[in-house]
Amino acid sequence: MVTTPTGDIIVDDNKLRNHGTAVMHGLGAAVESLEDSMFLTDILISIGEKHFEYQVKPEMMAYFWPAIRDTWREKLKYEFTEEAESAWKHVFEYMASKIVEGIIRAGKG
């Protein structure tokens, strides 16, 4: 991602697609690690610390859930029920909170 002098943001589609895939794999790993919450928490905080290096701000996390939710709605259609949305939203909120914790922690170091 590059910001031009006029403030426009240029996004590399391949990098964005690869990052989207990584996020989806991360969600899957989160589900697989739900029984080991300390492991999951440590991984998510570490991801946040790494994202601090890329100048990700805590407030940016608010944009991810709508993007993921809307993509699932589009792709899964009627299979993405209100119950599924609610469950995934809780998983995402937990993940986002720990990533933000890592971003903040890295910013204090």
N, C-alpha and C. Protein backbone atom coordinates (compact mmCIF):
# COMPACT_ATOMS: atom_id res chain seq x y z
N MET A 1 0.85 -1.16 0.00
CA MET A 1 0.00 0.00 0.00
C MET A 1 0.90 1.23 0.00
N VAL A 2 0.56 2.16 -0.85
CA VAL A 2 1.34 3.39 -0.99
C VAL A 2 0.36 4.56 -0.95
N THR A 3 0.74 5.59 -0.23
CA THR A 3 -0.05 6.81 -0.22
C THR A 3 0.64 7.84 -1.09
N THR A 4 -0.09 8.37 -2.07
CA THR A 4 0.47 9.37 -2.98
C THR A 4 0.51 10.73 -2.29
N PRO A 5 1.24 11.68 -2.86
CA PRO A 5 1.29 13.03 -2.27
C PRO A 5 -0.09 13.69 -2.14
N THR A 6 -1.05 13.27 -2.98
CA THR A 6 -2.40 13.84 -2.91
C THR A 6 -3.28 13.12 -1.89
N GLY A 7 -2.73 12.10 -1.24
CA GLY A 7 -3.49 11.38 -0.22
C GLY A 7 -4.21 10.14 -0.72
N ASP A 8 -4.12 9.87 -2.02
CA ASP A 8 -4.73 8.67 -2.58
C ASP A 8 -3.96 7.44 -2.11
N ILE A 9 -4.68 6.36 -1.91
CA ILE A 9 -4.04 5.12 -1.48
C ILE A 9 -4.04 4.15 -2.66
N ILE A 10 -2.86 3.63 -2.97
CA ILE A 10 -2.71 2.65 -4.04
C ILE A 10 -2.46 1.30 -3.38
N VAL A 11 -3.31 0.34 -3.70
CA VAL A 11 -3.23 -0.97 -3.09
C VAL A 11 -2.79 -1.99 -4.13
N ASP A 12 -1.85 -2.83 -3.76
CA ASP A 12 -1.43 -3.94 -4.62
C ASP A 12 -2.46 -5.05 -4.45
N ASP A 13 -3.21 -5.34 -5.50
CA ASP A 13 -4.29 -6.33 -5.42
C ASP A 13 -3.81 -7.70 -4.98
N ASN A 14 -2.64 -8.13 -5.46
CA ASN A 14 -2.13 -9.44 -5.07
C ASN A 14 -1.80 -9.48 -3.58
N LYS A 15 -1.17 -8.44 -3.08
CA LYS A 15 -0.85 -8.39 -1.66
C LYS A 15 -2.12 -8.37 -0.82
N LEU A 16 -3.11 -7.60 -1.27
CA LEU A 16 -4.37 -7.53 -0.54
C LEU A 16 -5.06 -8.89 -0.53
N ARG A 17 -5.09 -9.55 -1.66
CA ARG A 17 -5.70 -10.88 -1.74
C ARG A 17 -4.97 -11.87 -0.85
N ASN A 18 -3.64 -11.83 -0.87
CA ASN A 18 -2.85 -12.73 -0.02
C ASN A 18 -3.09 -12.44 1.46
N HIS A 19 -3.21 -11.17 1.80
CA HIS A 19 -3.47 -10.82 3.19
C HIS A 19 -4.86 -11.29 3.60
N GLY A 20 -5.83 -11.14 2.71
CA GLY A 20 -7.17 -11.63 2.98
C GLY A 20 -7.18 -13.13 3.24
N THR A 21 -6.42 -13.86 2.44
CA THR A 21 -6.31 -15.31 2.64
C THR A 21 -5.68 -15.61 3.99
N ALA A 22 -4.65 -14.86 4.34
CA ALA A 22 -3.99 -15.06 5.64
C ALA A 22 -4.95 -14.78 6.79
N VAL A 23 -5.78 -13.74 6.66
CA VAL A 23 -6.77 -13.43 7.69
C VAL A 23 -7.76 -14.58 7.84
N MET A 24 -8.22 -15.12 6.72
CA MET A 24 -9.18 -16.23 6.78
C MET A 24 -8.55 -17.47 7.42
N HIS A 25 -7.29 -17.73 7.10
CA HIS A 25 -6.60 -18.85 7.75
C HIS A 25 -6.45 -18.58 9.24
N GLY A 26 -6.21 -17.32 9.58
CA GLY A 26 -6.11 -16.94 10.99
C GLY A 26 -7.41 -17.17 11.74
N LEU A 27 -8.53 -16.86 11.10
CA LEU A 27 -9.83 -17.13 11.72
C LEU A 27 -10.01 -18.62 11.95
N GLY A 28 -9.62 -19.41 10.97
CA GLY A 28 -9.71 -20.87 11.12
C GLY A 28 -8.83 -21.37 12.25
N ALA A 29 -7.61 -20.83 12.33
CA ALA A 29 -6.70 -21.22 13.41
C ALA A 29 -7.25 -20.80 14.76
N ALA A 30 -7.93 -19.67 14.79
CA ALA A 30 -8.53 -19.21 16.05
C ALA A 30 -9.56 -20.21 16.54
N VAL A 31 -10.38 -20.68 15.63
CA VAL A 31 -11.40 -21.66 16.00
C VAL A 31 -10.74 -22.94 16.49
N GLU A 32 -9.70 -23.37 15.81
CA GLU A 32 -9.00 -24.59 16.21
C GLU A 32 -8.30 -24.44 17.55
N SER A 33 -7.97 -23.22 17.95
CA SER A 33 -7.22 -22.97 19.18
C SER A 33 -8.09 -22.48 20.33
N LEU A 34 -9.40 -22.49 20.16
CA LEU A 34 -10.28 -21.94 21.19
C LEU A 34 -10.11 -22.63 22.54
N GLU A 35 -9.75 -23.90 22.52
CA GLU A 35 -9.57 -24.61 23.79
C GLU A 35 -8.27 -24.25 24.49
N ASP A 36 -7.33 -23.67 23.77
CA ASP A 36 -6.05 -23.24 24.36
C ASP A 36 -5.97 -21.73 24.24
N SER A 37 -6.74 -21.05 25.09
CA SER A 37 -6.88 -19.61 24.96
C SER A 37 -5.58 -18.85 25.20
N MET A 38 -4.71 -19.35 26.03
CA MET A 38 -3.44 -18.66 26.27
C MET A 38 -2.57 -18.68 25.01
N PHE A 39 -2.54 -19.82 24.33
CA PHE A 39 -1.79 -19.93 23.08
C PHE A 39 -2.35 -18.96 22.05
N LEU A 40 -3.65 -18.98 21.89
CA LEU A 40 -4.31 -18.10 20.93
C LEU A 40 -4.06 -16.63 21.27
N THR A 41 -4.19 -16.28 22.53
CA THR A 41 -3.98 -14.90 22.96
C THR A 41 -2.56 -14.45 22.65
N ASP A 42 -1.58 -15.30 22.95
CA ASP A 42 -0.18 -14.95 22.67
C ASP A 42 0.06 -14.73 21.18
N ILE A 43 -0.52 -15.58 20.35
CA ILE A 43 -0.36 -15.44 18.90
C ILE A 43 -0.98 -14.13 18.43
N LEU A 44 -2.19 -13.83 18.89
CA LEU A 44 -2.89 -12.62 18.45
C LEU A 44 -2.16 -11.36 18.89
N ILE A 45 -1.65 -11.35 20.11
CA ILE A 45 -0.88 -10.19 20.58
C ILE A 45 0.38 -10.02 19.73
N SER A 46 1.02 -11.12 19.40
CA SER A 46 2.20 -11.07 18.53
C SER A 46 1.86 -10.52 17.15
N ILE A 47 0.72 -10.91 16.62
CA ILE A 47 0.26 -10.38 15.33
C ILE A 47 0.07 -8.87 15.44
N GLY A 48 -0.51 -8.43 16.54
CA GLY A 48 -0.70 -7.00 16.76
C GLY A 48 0.62 -6.26 16.82
N GLU A 49 1.58 -6.83 17.51
CA GLU A 49 2.90 -6.20 17.60
C GLU A 49 3.53 -6.08 16.22
N LYS A 50 3.38 -7.11 15.41
CA LYS A 50 3.92 -7.07 14.05
C LYS A 50 3.20 -6.02 13.21
N HIS A 51 1.88 -5.91 13.38
CA HIS A 51 1.12 -4.93 12.61
C HIS A 51 1.47 -3.50 13.01
N PHE A 52 1.94 -3.29 14.23
CA PHE A 52 2.40 -1.97 14.63
C PHE A 52 3.55 -1.52 13.72
N GLU A 53 4.42 -2.46 13.35
CA GLU A 53 5.54 -2.15 12.47
C GLU A 53 5.06 -1.67 11.11
N TYR A 54 3.86 -2.08 10.71
CA TYR A 54 3.29 -1.67 9.43
C TYR A 54 2.40 -0.44 9.58
N GLN A 55 2.50 0.20 10.73
CA GLN A 55 1.77 1.44 11.03
C GLN A 55 0.26 1.24 11.08
N VAL A 56 -0.17 0.04 11.46
CA VAL A 56 -1.59 -0.22 11.66
C VAL A 56 -1.98 0.42 12.98
N LYS A 57 -3.07 1.15 12.98
CA LYS A 57 -3.57 1.84 14.17
C LYS A 57 -4.73 1.04 14.76
N PRO A 58 -4.87 1.06 16.08
CA PRO A 58 -5.96 0.29 16.72
C PRO A 58 -7.33 0.58 16.11
N GLU A 59 -7.59 1.83 15.77
CA GLU A 59 -8.91 2.18 15.23
C GLU A 59 -9.17 1.57 13.86
N MET A 60 -8.13 1.11 13.18
CA MET A 60 -8.30 0.49 11.87
C MET A 60 -8.98 -0.87 11.96
N MET A 61 -8.90 -1.51 13.11
CA MET A 61 -9.50 -2.83 13.27
C MET A 61 -11.01 -2.81 13.07
N ALA A 62 -11.64 -1.67 13.29
CA ALA A 62 -13.09 -1.57 13.14
C ALA A 62 -13.53 -1.81 11.70
N TYR A 63 -12.64 -1.65 10.74
CA TYR A 63 -13.00 -1.84 9.33
C TYR A 63 -13.02 -3.31 8.91
N PHE A 64 -12.37 -4.17 9.67
CA PHE A 64 -12.21 -5.55 9.22
C PHE A 64 -13.46 -6.40 9.37
N TRP A 65 -14.17 -6.27 10.49
CA TRP A 65 -15.36 -7.11 10.66
C TRP A 65 -16.39 -6.86 9.55
N PRO A 66 -16.74 -5.61 9.25
CA PRO A 66 -17.72 -5.42 8.17
C PRO A 66 -17.24 -6.02 6.83
N ALA A 67 -15.96 -5.92 6.54
CA ALA A 67 -15.44 -6.47 5.29
C ALA A 67 -15.55 -7.99 5.27
N ILE A 68 -15.18 -8.62 6.37
CA ILE A 68 -15.27 -10.08 6.45
C ILE A 68 -16.74 -10.52 6.42
N ARG A 69 -17.56 -9.88 7.22
CA ARG A 69 -18.99 -10.21 7.29
C ARG A 69 -19.64 -10.08 5.92
N ASP A 70 -19.39 -8.97 5.25
CA ASP A 70 -20.02 -8.74 3.96
C ASP A 70 -19.54 -9.75 2.91
N THR A 71 -18.28 -10.12 2.98
CA THR A 71 -17.76 -11.13 2.06
C THR A 71 -18.44 -12.47 2.30
N TRP A 72 -18.58 -12.86 3.57
CA TRP A 72 -19.26 -14.12 3.88
C TRP A 72 -20.72 -14.08 3.46
N ARG A 73 -21.37 -12.95 3.67
CA ARG A 73 -22.77 -12.82 3.22
C ARG A 73 -22.87 -13.04 1.72
N GLU A 74 -21.96 -12.44 0.99
CA GLU A 74 -21.98 -12.54 -0.47
C GLU A 74 -21.70 -13.97 -0.94
N LYS A 75 -20.71 -14.59 -0.33
CA LYS A 75 -20.28 -15.92 -0.79
C LYS A 75 -21.18 -17.04 -0.26
N LEU A 76 -21.62 -16.93 0.98
CA LEU A 76 -22.39 -18.01 1.60
C LEU A 76 -23.89 -17.85 1.46
N LYS A 77 -24.31 -16.66 1.13
CA LYS A 77 -25.72 -16.33 0.95
C LYS A 77 -26.57 -16.80 2.13
N TYR A 78 -27.57 -17.61 1.88
CA TYR A 78 -28.50 -18.01 2.95
C TYR A 78 -27.84 -18.89 4.02
N GLU A 79 -26.68 -19.47 3.73
CA GLU A 79 -26.00 -20.30 4.72
C GLU A 79 -25.35 -19.47 5.83
N PHE A 80 -25.15 -18.19 5.57
CA PHE A 80 -24.58 -17.30 6.58
C PHE A 80 -25.74 -16.75 7.41
N THR A 81 -26.17 -17.53 8.35
CA THR A 81 -27.35 -17.21 9.16
C THR A 81 -27.02 -16.15 10.20
N GLU A 82 -28.06 -15.61 10.82
CA GLU A 82 -27.86 -14.65 11.91
C GLU A 82 -27.07 -15.27 13.04
N GLU A 83 -27.32 -16.56 13.32
CA GLU A 83 -26.59 -17.26 14.38
C GLU A 83 -25.12 -17.39 14.03
N ALA A 84 -24.84 -17.74 12.78
CA ALA A 84 -23.44 -17.85 12.34
C ALA A 84 -22.75 -16.50 12.41
N GLU A 85 -23.45 -15.47 11.95
CA GLU A 85 -22.88 -14.12 11.99
C GLU A 85 -22.55 -13.71 13.42
N SER A 86 -23.48 -13.97 14.33
CA SER A 86 -23.27 -13.59 15.73
C SER A 86 -22.08 -14.34 16.33
N ALA A 87 -22.00 -15.63 16.06
CA ALA A 87 -20.89 -16.43 16.59
C ALA A 87 -19.55 -15.95 16.05
N TRP A 88 -19.48 -15.73 14.73
CA TRP A 88 -18.23 -15.26 14.13
C TRP A 88 -17.88 -13.86 14.60
N LYS A 89 -18.88 -13.04 14.83
CA LYS A 89 -18.60 -11.69 15.31
C LYS A 89 -17.93 -11.75 16.68
N HIS A 90 -18.40 -12.65 17.54
CA HIS A 90 -17.77 -12.79 18.86
C HIS A 90 -16.32 -13.26 18.74
N VAL A 91 -16.09 -14.23 17.85
CA VAL A 91 -14.71 -14.70 17.64
C VAL A 91 -13.85 -13.55 17.13
N PHE A 92 -14.36 -12.83 16.14
CA PHE A 92 -13.60 -11.73 15.57
C PHE A 92 -13.33 -10.64 16.60
N GLU A 93 -14.33 -10.29 17.41
CA GLU A 93 -14.14 -9.25 18.42
C GLU A 93 -13.05 -9.63 19.41
N TYR A 94 -13.02 -10.90 19.79
CA TYR A 94 -11.96 -11.36 20.69
C TYR A 94 -10.60 -11.22 20.00
N MET A 95 -10.52 -11.73 18.76
CA MET A 95 -9.26 -11.65 18.03
C MET A 95 -8.81 -10.21 17.86
N ALA A 96 -9.73 -9.35 17.46
CA ALA A 96 -9.39 -7.94 17.24
C ALA A 96 -8.91 -7.29 18.53
N SER A 97 -9.55 -7.61 19.66
CA SER A 97 -9.15 -7.00 20.93
C SER A 97 -7.72 -7.37 21.30
N LYS A 98 -7.33 -8.60 21.02
CA LYS A 98 -5.96 -9.04 21.34
C LYS A 98 -4.95 -8.47 20.35
N ILE A 99 -5.33 -8.34 19.09
CA ILE A 99 -4.45 -7.71 18.11
C ILE A 99 -4.23 -6.24 18.49
N VAL A 100 -5.30 -5.57 18.86
CA VAL A 100 -5.18 -4.17 19.30
C VAL A 100 -4.28 -4.09 20.54
N GLU A 101 -4.43 -5.04 21.45
CA GLU A 101 -3.57 -5.06 22.64
C GLU A 101 -2.10 -5.14 22.22
N GLY A 102 -1.80 -5.96 21.22
CA GLY A 102 -0.43 -6.08 20.72
C GLY A 102 0.05 -4.79 20.06
N ILE A 103 -0.83 -4.14 19.29
CA ILE A 103 -0.45 -2.88 18.65
C ILE A 103 -0.11 -1.84 19.72
N ILE A 104 -0.95 -1.74 20.73
CA ILE A 104 -0.73 -0.78 21.81
C ILE A 104 0.54 -1.13 22.58
N ARG A 105 0.72 -2.38 22.89
CA ARG A 105 1.91 -2.81 23.62
C ARG A 105 3.17 -2.47 22.85
N ALA A 106 3.18 -2.72 21.54
CA ALA A 106 4.35 -2.40 20.72
C ALA A 106 4.61 -0.90 20.67
N GLY A 107 3.55 -0.13 20.69
CA GLY A 107 3.69 1.33 20.65
C GLY A 107 4.28 1.91 21.92
N LYS A 108 4.18 1.19 23.02
CA LYS A 108 4.74 1.65 24.29
C LYS A 108 6.18 1.24 24.46
N GLY A 109 6.63 0.30 23.63
CA GLY A 109 7.99 -0.24 23.78
C GLY A 109 8.99 0.60 23.16
